[in-house]
Amino acid sequence: MRTNTRIDWHRKVEEAILRIMGALDEPLDFRQISTEVYSSPYHFHRKFRELTGENVHECLRRLRMERAMHLLRTTNREITDIAFDSGYETLESFSKAFKRVYGLSPTDARKLSDWRGRIYSSVGLHYSERQQLHWFYLNPEGVNSLETKITSFAPKRVVAVENVGDYWGLPHAWEKLMHTVEQHQLFPYIRGSMCVFPDHDPAIPMEKKHSYAAVVVDTDFDNTYGLQDITLPEGLYAVTVHFGSSEEIGPTWDRWMNEWLPDSGWKVDTSRPNFEWYQNQCVPPELQLTFLCTAVVKMD
């Protein structure tokens, strides 16, 4: 694609995104938007998907669902009203779609005070009340690849709070862990933070999976605070970088394993934990970096 043509399509798709963001309460048709940006429906649909990773209807549904989560958390509006504003004709259909996306009911979502409800977007496109501060980026060549490195890690010692069952329990584990850290002023001893997943074998039922909110400490750390002590074993790990909020990490894991692993010549080693290693949490969500680390061994 010539540079001028590519720039022109970026401009058209950006205009379309802003149009969608400003019309979440309206019945929107991609043919209408294509006319507004002076393009045929066929070419507009193809380029929008190429540059954003989803078609117009998928984008609209996702943004409406993110807004629904925002309204559940920040207002006292009836769930039925939120369902109608999200484009659903019945509360039942909305609740089913909501649970399919988030893994919990709208009623339970209201209890997650620290969860923004972002759904994975390959270009970082998310609902925001303040649209002028809404960040996103378009795939420069219509490609969004996940680069992977194989690296050897030395053993790491972490102290942690355990979660058993669904990973939705991890935010509560983090609250308990940070309460202990703050109560005993342990910040000088922390060398990093991560979530640890020892039971990532698909054969283990979700209700029996253990996971941990954890901080990395030195080997001589005196753990007298009731935290669990875990050593992450040395060995080879496949590592990719997730760029964006922690809420979007799950789909990145899934996509990475589905796209990279099958033809990589490596296989997952379920005898060692996987972990998410957070690099810079004290920045806006769109700038956060996380190393996704999965234990691997070379295939025979």
C-alpha atoms as a PDB file:
ATOM      1  CA  MET A   1       0.000   0.000   0.000  1.00  0.00           C
ATOM      2  CA  ARG A   2       1.384   3.421  -0.949  1.00  0.00           C
ATOM      3  CA  THR A   3       2.206   5.773   1.939  1.00  0.00           C
ATOM      4  CA  ASN A   4      -0.404   8.374   0.963  1.00  0.00           C
ATOM      5  CA  THR A   5      -3.094   5.708   0.623  1.00  0.00           C
ATOM      6  CA  ARG A   6      -2.195   4.201   3.997  1.00  0.00           C
ATOM      7  CA  ILE A   7      -2.318   7.600   5.694  1.00  0.00           C
ATOM      8  CA  ASP A   8      -5.682   8.292   4.082  1.00  0.00           C
ATOM      9  CA  TRP A   9      -7.116   5.014   5.386  1.00  0.00           C
ATOM     10  CA  HIS A  10      -5.743   5.698   8.858  1.00  0.00           C
ATOM     11  CA  ARG A  11      -7.528   9.039   8.804  1.00  0.00           C
ATOM     12  CA  LYS A  12     -10.797   7.466   7.645  1.00  0.00           C
ATOM     13  CA  VAL A  13     -10.695   4.725  10.251  1.00  0.00           C
ATOM     14  CA  GLU A  14      -9.822   7.215  12.999  1.00  0.00           C
ATOM     15  CA  GLU A  15     -12.825   9.323  11.973  1.00  0.00           C
ATOM     16  CA  ALA A  16     -14.999   6.221  12.042  1.00  0.00           C
ATOM     17  CA  ILE A  17     -13.775   5.295  15.537  1.00  0.00           C
ATOM     18  CA  LEU A  18     -14.637   8.756  16.854  1.00  0.00           C
ATOM     19  CA  ARG A  19     -18.043   8.471  15.187  1.00  0.00           C
ATOM     20  CA  ILE A  20     -18.661   5.129  16.918  1.00  0.00           C
ATOM     21  CA  MET A  21     -17.479   6.475  20.270  1.00  0.00           C
ATOM     22  CA  GLY A  22     -19.949   9.329  20.021  1.00  0.00           C
ATOM     23  CA  ALA A  23     -22.890   7.159  19.009  1.00  0.00           C
ATOM     24  CA  LEU A  24     -23.001   4.289  21.485  1.00  0.00           C
ATOM     25  CA  ASP A  25     -26.704   4.969  22.124  1.00  0.00           C
ATOM     26  CA  GLU A  26     -27.587   4.921  18.434  1.00  0.00           C
ATOM     27  CA  PRO A  27     -28.307   2.046  16.036  1.00  0.00           C
ATOM     28  CA  LEU A  28     -25.195   2.320  13.893  1.00  0.00           C
ATOM     29  CA  ASP A  29     -24.559   0.697  10.513  1.00  0.00           C
ATOM     30  CA  PHE A  30     -21.113   0.417   8.961  1.00  0.00           C
ATOM     31  CA  ARG A  31     -22.626   1.377   5.576  1.00  0.00           C
ATOM     32  CA  GLN A  32     -23.676   4.692   7.088  1.00  0.00           C
ATOM     33  CA  ILE A  33     -20.188   5.276   8.461  1.00  0.00           C
ATOM     34  CA  SER A  34     -18.543   4.264   5.187  1.00  0.00           C
ATOM     35  CA  THR A  35     -20.601   6.917   3.409  1.00  0.00           C
ATOM     36  CA  GLU A  36     -19.542   9.531   5.972  1.00  0.00           C
ATOM     37  CA  VAL A  37     -15.850   8.793   5.324  1.00  0.00           C
ATOM     38  CA  TYR A  38     -16.355   8.647   1.542  1.00  0.00           C
ATOM     39  CA  SER A  39     -15.687   4.948   1.001  1.00  0.00           C
ATOM     40  CA  SER A  40     -17.509   1.939  -0.377  1.00  0.00           C
ATOM     41  CA  PRO A  41     -18.920  -0.381   2.321  1.00  0.00           C
ATOM     42  CA  TYR A  42     -16.752  -3.288   1.117  1.00  0.00           C
ATOM     43  CA  HIS A  43     -13.427  -1.440   1.244  1.00  0.00           C
ATOM     44  CA  PHE A  44     -14.283   0.345   4.469  1.00  0.00           C
ATOM     45  CA  HIS A  45     -15.233  -2.923   6.214  1.00  0.00           C
ATOM     46  CA  ARG A  46     -12.004  -4.595   5.041  1.00  0.00           C
ATOM     47  CA  LYS A  47      -9.694  -1.726   6.052  1.00  0.00           C
ATOM     48  CA  PHE A  48     -11.421  -1.121   9.390  1.00  0.00           C
ATOM     49  CA  ARG A  49     -10.907  -4.762  10.350  1.00  0.00           C
ATOM     50  CA  GLU A  50      -7.333  -4.763   9.048  1.00  0.00           C
ATOM     51  CA  LEU A  51      -6.334  -1.700  11.067  1.00  0.00           C
ATOM     52  CA  THR A  52      -8.271  -2.374  14.270  1.00  0.00           C
ATOM     53  CA  GLY A  53      -8.532  -6.166  14.465  1.00  0.00           C
ATOM     54  CA  GLU A  54     -12.353  -6.188  14.553  1.00  0.00           C
ATOM     55  CA  ASN A  55     -15.236  -5.131  12.346  1.00  0.00           C
ATOM     56  CA  VAL A  56     -17.500  -2.171  13.079  1.00  0.00           C
ATOM     57  CA  HIS A  57     -20.237  -4.227  14.743  1.00  0.00           C
ATOM     58  CA  GLU A  58     -17.731  -6.088  16.954  1.00  0.00           C
ATOM     59  CA  CYS A  59     -16.154  -2.781  17.946  1.00  0.00           C
ATOM     60  CA  LEU A  60     -19.534  -1.237  18.753  1.00  0.00           C
ATOM     61  CA  ARG A  61     -20.663  -4.230  20.848  1.00  0.00           C
ATOM     62  CA  ARG A  62     -17.402  -4.294  22.791  1.00  0.00           C
ATOM     63  CA  LEU A  63     -17.441  -0.563  23.547  1.00  0.00           C
ATOM     64  CA  ARG A  64     -21.070  -0.773  24.659  1.00  0.00           C
ATOM     65  CA  MET A  65     -20.192  -3.659  26.959  1.00  0.00           C
ATOM     66  CA  GLU A  66     -17.269  -1.716  28.441  1.00  0.00           C
ATOM     67  CA  ARG A  67     -19.592   1.250  29.004  1.00  0.00           C
ATOM     68  CA  ALA A  68     -22.119  -1.066  30.658  1.00  0.00           C
ATOM     69  CA  MET A  69     -19.429  -2.223  33.109  1.00  0.00           C
ATOM     70  CA  HIS A  70     -18.515   1.428  33.765  1.00  0.00           C
ATOM     71  CA  LEU A  71     -22.155   2.329  34.488  1.00  0.00           C
ATOM     72  CA  LEU A  72     -22.592  -0.667  36.770  1.00  0.00           C
ATOM     73  CA  ARG A  73     -19.581   0.355  38.827  1.00  0.00           C
ATOM     74  CA  THR A  74     -20.069   4.129  38.934  1.00  0.00           C
ATOM     75  CA  THR A  75     -23.846   4.679  38.979  1.00  0.00           C
ATOM     76  CA  ASN A  76     -26.977   3.352  40.686  1.00  0.00           C
ATOM     77  CA  ARG A  77     -28.856   2.922  37.434  1.00  0.00           C
ATOM     78  CA  GLU A  78     -31.091  -0.107  37.072  1.00  0.00           C
ATOM     79  CA  ILE A  79     -29.421  -2.991  35.251  1.00  0.00           C
ATOM     80  CA  THR A  80     -32.415  -3.206  32.911  1.00  0.00           C
ATOM     81  CA  ASP A  81     -31.871   0.407  31.776  1.00  0.00           C
ATOM     82  CA  ILE A  82     -28.179  -0.264  31.198  1.00  0.00           C
ATOM     83  CA  ALA A  83     -29.107  -3.344  29.164  1.00  0.00           C
ATOM     84  CA  PHE A  84     -31.406  -1.315  26.893  1.00  0.00           C
ATOM     85  CA  ASP A  85     -28.793   1.421  26.438  1.00  0.00           C
ATOM     86  CA  SER A  86     -26.303  -1.291  25.464  1.00  0.00           C
ATOM     87  CA  GLY A  87     -28.467  -2.385  22.551  1.00  0.00           C
ATOM     88  CA  TYR A  88     -30.129  -5.441  24.124  1.00  0.00           C
ATOM     89  CA  GLU A  89     -33.875  -5.980  23.952  1.00  0.00           C
ATOM     90  CA  THR A  90     -34.149  -7.924  27.201  1.00  0.00           C
ATOM     91  CA  LEU A  91     -32.335  -8.090  30.525  1.00  0.00           C
ATOM     92  CA  GLU A  92     -31.848 -11.825  30.025  1.00  0.00           C
ATOM     93  CA  SER A  93     -30.018 -11.447  26.707  1.00  0.00           C
ATOM     94  CA  PHE A  94     -27.819  -8.706  28.178  1.00  0.00           C
ATOM     95  CA  SER A  95     -26.966 -10.777  31.266  1.00  0.00           C
ATOM     96  CA  LYS A  96     -26.014 -13.781  29.127  1.00  0.00           C
ATOM     97  CA  ALA A  97     -23.800 -11.665  26.863  1.00  0.00           C
ATOM     98  CA  PHE A  98     -22.253  -9.901  29.856  1.00  0.00           C
ATOM     99  CA  LYS A  99     -21.388 -13.170  31.581  1.00  0.00           C
ATOM    100  CA  ARG A 100     -19.992 -14.620  28.359  1.00  0.00           C
ATOM    101  CA  VAL A 101     -17.620 -11.645  28.056  1.00  0.00           C
ATOM    102  CA  TYR A 102     -16.669 -11.034  31.700  1.00  0.00           C
ATOM    103  CA  GLY A 103     -17.273 -14.413  33.321  1.00  0.00           C
ATOM    104  CA  LEU A 104     -19.610 -12.999  35.974  1.00  0.00           C
ATOM    105  CA  SER A 105     -23.090 -11.516  36.215  1.00  0.00           C
ATOM    106  CA  PRO A 106     -23.868  -7.769  36.066  1.00  0.00           C
ATOM    107  CA  THR A 107     -24.903  -7.933  39.739  1.00  0.00           C
ATOM    108  CA  ASP A 108     -21.550  -9.420  40.752  1.00  0.00           C
ATOM    109  CA  ALA A 109     -19.710  -6.899  38.578  1.00  0.00           C
ATOM    110  CA  ARG A 110     -21.060  -4.071  40.719  1.00  0.00           C
ATOM    111  CA  LYS A 111     -19.014  -5.423  43.619  1.00  0.00           C
ATOM    112  CA  LEU A 112     -15.676  -5.045  41.761  1.00  0.00           C
ATOM    113  CA  SER A 113     -14.734  -1.549  42.865  1.00  0.00           C
ATOM    114  CA  ASP A 114     -11.284  -1.556  41.220  1.00  0.00           C
ATOM    115  CA  TRP A 115     -12.156  -3.243  37.927  1.00  0.00           C
ATOM    116  CA  ARG A 116     -12.513  -1.002  34.872  1.00  0.00           C
ATOM    117  CA  GLY A 117     -13.950  -3.743  32.697  1.00  0.00           C
ATOM    118  CA  ARG A 118     -11.770  -3.375  29.660  1.00  0.00           C
ATOM    119  CA  ILE A 119     -12.087  -6.055  26.995  1.00  0.00           C
ATOM    120  CA  TYR A 120      -9.088  -6.973  24.851  1.00  0.00           C
ATOM    121  CA  SER A 121      -8.471  -4.737  21.851  1.00  0.00           C
ATOM    122  CA  SER A 122      -5.398  -5.258  19.673  1.00  0.00           C
ATOM    123  CA  VAL A 123      -5.137  -1.493  19.155  1.00  0.00           C
ATOM    124  CA  GLY A 124      -5.911  -0.331  22.702  1.00  0.00           C
ATOM    125  CA  LEU A 125      -9.339   1.057  21.792  1.00  0.00           C
ATOM    126  CA  HIS A 126     -11.550   1.311  24.897  1.00  0.00           C
ATOM    127  CA  TYR A 127     -14.583   3.143  26.219  1.00  0.00           C
ATOM    128  CA  SER A 128     -13.899   6.398  28.051  1.00  0.00           C
ATOM    129  CA  GLU A 129     -16.199   9.121  29.358  1.00  0.00           C
ATOM    130  CA  ARG A 130     -13.596  11.682  28.324  1.00  0.00           C
ATOM    131  CA  GLN A 131     -13.293  10.909  24.638  1.00  0.00           C
ATOM    132  CA  GLN A 132     -10.739  13.629  24.042  1.00  0.00           C
ATOM    133  CA  LEU A 133      -8.325  11.666  26.242  1.00  0.00           C
ATOM    134  CA  HIS A 134      -9.157   8.320  24.669  1.00  0.00           C
ATOM    135  CA  TRP A 135      -6.013   6.571  23.445  1.00  0.00           C
ATOM    136  CA  PHE A 136      -5.760   4.056  20.655  1.00  0.00           C
ATOM    137  CA  TYR A 137      -3.332   3.178  17.888  1.00  0.00           C
ATOM    138  CA  LEU A 138      -3.914   1.569  14.520  1.00  0.00           C
ATOM    139  CA  ASN A 139      -1.946  -1.432  13.310  1.00  0.00           C
ATOM    140  CA  PRO A 140       0.584   0.252  10.991  1.00  0.00           C
ATOM    141  CA  GLU A 141       0.554  -2.408   8.302  1.00  0.00           C
ATOM    142  CA  GLY A 142      -2.560  -4.282   9.283  1.00  0.00           C
ATOM    143  CA  VAL A 143      -0.431  -6.689  11.354  1.00  0.00           C
ATOM    144  CA  ASN A 144      -0.311  -7.065  15.114  1.00  0.00           C
ATOM    145  CA  SER A 145       2.250  -9.732  15.967  1.00  0.00           C
ATOM    146  CA  LEU A 146       3.454 -10.921  19.361  1.00  0.00           C
ATOM    147  CA  GLU A 147       7.218 -11.284  19.405  1.00  0.00           C
ATOM    148  CA  THR A 148       8.479 -14.103  21.607  1.00  0.00           C
ATOM    149  CA  LYS A 149      11.844 -14.638  23.278  1.00  0.00           C
ATOM    150  CA  ILE A 150      13.129 -17.830  24.860  1.00  0.00           C
ATOM    151  CA  THR A 151      15.167 -16.979  27.932  1.00  0.00           C
ATOM    152  CA  SER A 152      16.588 -18.704  30.992  1.00  0.00           C
ATOM    153  CA  PHE A 153      15.494 -17.432  34.401  1.00  0.00           C
ATOM    154  CA  ALA A 154      17.328 -18.019  37.647  1.00  0.00           C
ATOM    155  CA  PRO A 155      15.185 -19.081  40.634  1.00  0.00           C
ATOM    156  CA  LYS A 156      12.981 -16.340  42.045  1.00  0.00           C
ATOM    157  CA  ARG A 157      11.660 -16.174  45.580  1.00  0.00           C
ATOM    158  CA  VAL A 158       8.218 -14.627  46.061  1.00  0.00           C
ATOM    159  CA  VAL A 159       5.928 -14.145  49.037  1.00  0.00           C
ATOM    160  CA  ALA A 160       2.276 -14.261  48.228  1.00  0.00           C
ATOM    161  CA  VAL A 161      -1.411 -14.469  49.064  1.00  0.00           C
ATOM    162  CA  GLU A 162      -3.185 -17.505  47.627  1.00  0.00           C
ATOM    163  CA  ASN A 163      -6.331 -17.584  45.530  1.00  0.00           C
ATOM    164  CA  VAL A 164      -8.168 -20.853  44.875  1.00  0.00           C
ATOM    165  CA  GLY A 165     -10.606 -21.216  42.009  1.00  0.00           C
ATOM    166  CA  ASP A 166     -11.634 -18.625  39.453  1.00  0.00           C
ATOM    167  CA  TYR A 167      -9.010 -15.981  38.711  1.00  0.00           C
ATOM    168  CA  TRP A 168     -11.604 -13.312  39.497  1.00  0.00           C
ATOM    169  CA  GLY A 169     -10.521 -13.889  43.097  1.00  0.00           C
ATOM    170  CA  LEU A 170      -7.051 -12.479  42.426  1.00  0.00           C
ATOM    171  CA  PRO A 171      -8.034  -8.803  42.946  1.00  0.00           C
ATOM    172  CA  HIS A 172      -9.095  -9.747  46.495  1.00  0.00           C
ATOM    173  CA  ALA A 173      -5.780 -11.570  47.006  1.00  0.00           C
ATOM    174  CA  TRP A 174      -3.954  -8.434  45.866  1.00  0.00           C
ATOM    175  CA  GLU A 175      -5.899  -6.340  48.374  1.00  0.00           C
ATOM    176  CA  LYS A 176      -4.835  -8.670  51.199  1.00  0.00           C
ATOM    177  CA  LEU A 177      -1.225  -8.732  50.016  1.00  0.00           C
ATOM    178  CA  MET A 178      -0.937  -4.955  49.721  1.00  0.00           C
ATOM    179  CA  HIS A 179      -2.585  -4.502  53.112  1.00  0.00           C
ATOM    180  CA  THR A 180       0.178  -6.628  54.628  1.00  0.00           C
ATOM    181  CA  VAL A 181       2.875  -4.772  52.680  1.00  0.00           C
ATOM    182  CA  GLU A 182       1.561  -1.381  53.798  1.00  0.00           C
ATOM    183  CA  GLN A 183       0.890  -2.461  57.387  1.00  0.00           C
ATOM    184  CA  HIS A 184       4.466  -3.688  57.876  1.00  0.00           C
ATOM    185  CA  GLN A 185       6.152  -1.184  55.538  1.00  0.00           C
ATOM    186  CA  LEU A 186       7.687  -3.878  53.337  1.00  0.00           C
ATOM    187  CA  PHE A 187       8.160  -1.732  50.238  1.00  0.00           C
ATOM    188  CA  PRO A 188      11.985  -1.537  50.580  1.00  0.00           C
ATOM    189  CA  TYR A 189      12.171  -5.331  50.344  1.00  0.00           C
ATOM    190  CA  ILE A 190      10.089  -5.715  47.189  1.00  0.00           C
ATOM    191  CA  ARG A 191      11.973  -6.428  43.953  1.00  0.00           C
ATOM    192  CA  GLY A 192       8.964  -6.787  41.687  1.00  0.00           C
ATOM    193  CA  SER A 193       5.345  -7.938  41.535  1.00  0.00           C
ATOM    194  CA  MET A 194       3.639 -10.728  39.649  1.00  0.00           C
ATOM    195  CA  CYS A 195       0.745 -13.154  39.481  1.00  0.00           C
ATOM    196  CA  VAL A 196       1.834 -16.785  39.648  1.00  0.00           C
ATOM    197  CA  PHE A 197      -0.118 -19.662  38.067  1.00  0.00           C
ATOM    198  CA  PRO A 198       1.196 -23.098  39.108  1.00  0.00           C
ATOM    199  CA  ASP A 199      -1.942 -24.925  37.943  1.00  0.00           C
ATOM    200  CA  HIS A 200      -2.025 -23.796  34.311  1.00  0.00           C
ATOM    201  CA  ASP A 201      -2.439 -27.365  33.054  1.00  0.00           C
ATOM    202  CA  PRO A 202      -5.809 -27.378  31.187  1.00  0.00           C
ATOM    203  CA  ALA A 203      -6.585 -30.759  32.774  1.00  0.00           C
ATOM    204  CA  ILE A 204      -6.956 -29.108  36.199  1.00  0.00           C
ATOM    205  CA  PRO A 205     -10.544 -27.903  36.782  1.00  0.00           C
ATOM    206  CA  MET A 206     -10.853 -24.171  37.398  1.00  0.00           C
ATOM    207  CA  GLU A 207     -12.352 -24.644  40.844  1.00  0.00           C
ATOM    208  CA  LYS A 208      -9.177 -26.493  41.901  1.00  0.00           C
ATOM    209  CA  LYS A 209      -6.626 -24.135  40.392  1.00  0.00           C
ATOM    210  CA  HIS A 210      -4.297 -22.224  42.727  1.00  0.00           C
ATOM    211  CA  SER A 211      -2.961 -18.783  41.826  1.00  0.00           C
ATOM    212  CA  TYR A 212      -1.056 -16.154  43.764  1.00  0.00           C
ATOM    213  CA  ALA A 213      -0.742 -12.397  44.080  1.00  0.00           C
ATOM    214  CA  ALA A 214       2.974 -12.152  44.759  1.00  0.00           C
ATOM    215  CA  VAL A 215       5.949  -9.856  45.261  1.00  0.00           C
ATOM    216  CA  VAL A 216       9.550 -10.782  44.546  1.00  0.00           C
ATOM    217  CA  VAL A 217      11.933 -10.642  47.523  1.00  0.00           C
ATOM    218  CA  ASP A 218      15.576 -11.481  48.207  1.00  0.00           C
ATOM    219  CA  THR A 219      16.544 -14.954  49.383  1.00  0.00           C
ATOM    220  CA  ASP A 220      17.368 -13.633  52.876  1.00  0.00           C
ATOM    221  CA  PHE A 221      13.991 -11.906  53.378  1.00  0.00           C
ATOM    222  CA  ASP A 222      12.591 -12.727  56.826  1.00  0.00           C
ATOM    223  CA  ASN A 223       9.022 -13.820  56.086  1.00  0.00           C
ATOM    224  CA  THR A 224       7.269 -13.468  59.426  1.00  0.00           C
ATOM    225  CA  TYR A 225       4.080 -11.866  58.102  1.00  0.00           C
ATOM    226  CA  GLY A 226       1.869 -14.856  57.344  1.00  0.00           C
ATOM    227  CA  LEU A 227       2.578 -14.776  53.604  1.00  0.00           C
ATOM    228  CA  GLN A 228       3.097 -17.919  51.571  1.00  0.00           C
ATOM    229  CA  ASP A 229       6.686 -18.547  50.490  1.00  0.00           C
ATOM    230  CA  ILE A 230       7.211 -19.789  46.930  1.00  0.00           C
ATOM    231  CA  THR A 231      10.308 -20.389  44.827  1.00  0.00           C
ATOM    232  CA  LEU A 232       9.863 -20.138  41.089  1.00  0.00           C
ATOM    233  CA  PRO A 233      12.248 -22.732  39.639  1.00  0.00           C
ATOM    234  CA  GLU A 234      14.972 -21.903  37.189  1.00  0.00           C
ATOM    235  CA  GLY A 235      14.651 -22.973  33.589  1.00  0.00           C
ATOM    236  CA  LEU A 236      13.664 -21.878  30.111  1.00  0.00           C
ATOM    237  CA  TYR A 237      10.652 -19.654  29.644  1.00  0.00           C
ATOM    238  CA  ALA A 238       8.945 -18.224  26.574  1.00  0.00           C
ATOM    239  CA  VAL A 239       8.327 -14.513  27.127  1.00  0.00           C
ATOM    240  CA  THR A 240       6.235 -11.984  25.278  1.00  0.00           C
ATOM    241  CA  VAL A 241       5.321  -8.414  26.203  1.00  0.00           C
ATOM    242  CA  HIS A 242       1.772  -7.265  26.883  1.00  0.00           C
ATOM    243  CA  PHE A 243       1.396  -3.519  26.355  1.00  0.00           C
ATOM    244  CA  GLY A 244      -1.690  -2.146  28.098  1.00  0.00           C
ATOM    245  CA  SER A 245      -3.820  -2.648  31.180  1.00  0.00           C
ATOM    246  CA  SER A 246      -3.766  -5.821  33.254  1.00  0.00           C
ATOM    247  CA  GLU A 247      -7.445  -6.343  32.442  1.00  0.00           C
ATOM    248  CA  GLU A 248      -6.541  -7.264  28.856  1.00  0.00           C
ATOM    249  CA  ILE A 249      -3.857  -9.804  29.708  1.00  0.00           C
ATOM    250  CA  GLY A 250      -6.080 -12.894  29.595  1.00  0.00           C
ATOM    251  CA  PRO A 251      -6.941 -12.581  25.888  1.00  0.00           C
ATOM    252  CA  THR A 252      -3.291 -11.803  25.128  1.00  0.00           C
ATOM    253  CA  TRP A 253      -2.281 -15.084  26.807  1.00  0.00           C
ATOM    254  CA  ASP A 254      -4.879 -16.969  24.743  1.00  0.00           C
ATOM    255  CA  ARG A 255      -3.897 -15.377  21.462  1.00  0.00           C
ATOM    256  CA  TRP A 256      -0.196 -15.875  22.130  1.00  0.00           C
ATOM    257  CA  MET A 257      -0.614 -19.578  22.889  1.00  0.00           C
ATOM    258  CA  ASN A 258      -2.888 -20.096  19.881  1.00  0.00           C
ATOM    259  CA  GLU A 259      -0.744 -18.206  17.379  1.00  0.00           C
ATOM    260  CA  TRP A 260       2.847 -18.719  18.500  1.00  0.00           C
ATOM    261  CA  LEU A 261       2.993 -22.058  20.303  1.00  0.00           C
ATOM    262  CA  PRO A 262       1.709 -24.576  17.691  1.00  0.00           C
ATOM    263  CA  ASP A 263       4.528 -23.937  15.177  1.00  0.00           C
ATOM    264  CA  SER A 264       7.227 -22.825  17.619  1.00  0.00           C
ATOM    265  CA  GLY A 265       8.992 -26.143  18.214  1.00  0.00           C
ATOM    266  CA  TRP A 266       8.387 -25.709  21.963  1.00  0.00           C
ATOM    267  CA  LYS A 267       5.777 -27.105  24.338  1.00  0.00           C
ATOM    268  CA  VAL A 268       4.491 -25.837  27.670  1.00  0.00           C
ATOM    269  CA  ASP A 269       6.071 -27.376  30.775  1.00  0.00           C
ATOM    270  CA  THR A 270       3.160 -27.729  33.194  1.00  0.00           C
ATOM    271  CA  SER A 271       5.474 -28.864  36.016  1.00  0.00           C
ATOM    272  CA  ARG A 272       6.636 -25.258  36.474  1.00  0.00           C
ATOM    273  CA  PRO A 273       4.428 -22.196  37.095  1.00  0.00           C
ATOM    274  CA  ASN A 274       3.531 -19.574  34.545  1.00  0.00           C
ATOM    275  CA  PHE A 275       3.651 -15.987  35.732  1.00  0.00           C
ATOM    276  CA  GLU A 276       2.808 -12.417  34.771  1.00  0.00           C
ATOM    277  CA  TRP A 277       5.671 -10.112  35.700  1.00  0.00           C
ATOM    278  CA  TYR A 278       4.526  -6.488  36.028  1.00  0.00           C
ATOM    279  CA  GLN A 279       7.101  -3.900  35.003  1.00  0.00           C
ATOM    280  CA  ASN A 280       5.688  -0.423  35.545  1.00  0.00           C
ATOM    281  CA  GLN A 281       2.337  -0.297  37.322  1.00  0.00           C
ATOM    282  CA  CYS A 282       2.658   3.376  38.377  1.00  0.00           C
ATOM    283  CA  VAL A 283       1.770   4.698  34.916  1.00  0.00           C
ATOM    284  CA  PRO A 284      -1.512   5.136  33.001  1.00  0.00           C
ATOM    285  CA  PRO A 285      -3.024   1.756  32.003  1.00  0.00           C
ATOM    286  CA  GLU A 286      -2.299   2.234  28.299  1.00  0.00           C
ATOM    287  CA  LEU A 287       1.444   2.486  29.095  1.00  0.00           C
ATOM    288  CA  GLN A 288       1.737  -0.505  31.416  1.00  0.00           C
ATOM    289  CA  LEU A 289       4.131  -3.287  30.417  1.00  0.00           C
ATOM    290  CA  THR A 290       3.830  -6.888  31.529  1.00  0.00           C
ATOM    291  CA  PHE A 291       6.075  -9.850  30.721  1.00  0.00           C
ATOM    292  CA  LEU A 292       3.998 -12.978  30.096  1.00  0.00           C
ATOM    293  CA  CYS A 293       6.220 -15.913  31.013  1.00  0.00           C
ATOM    294  CA  THR A 294       5.350 -19.523  30.279  1.00  0.00           C
ATOM    295  CA  ALA A 295       7.618 -22.421  31.186  1.00  0.00           C
ATOM    296  CA  VAL A 296       8.666 -24.364  28.073  1.00  0.00           C
ATOM    297  CA  VAL A 297      10.735 -27.339  26.974  1.00  0.00           C
ATOM    298  CA  LYS A 298      11.996 -28.161  23.506  1.00  0.00           C
ATOM    299  CA  MET A 299       9.861 -30.635  21.587  1.00  0.00           C
ATOM    300  CA  ASP A 300      11.492 -33.951  20.708  1.00  0.00           C
END
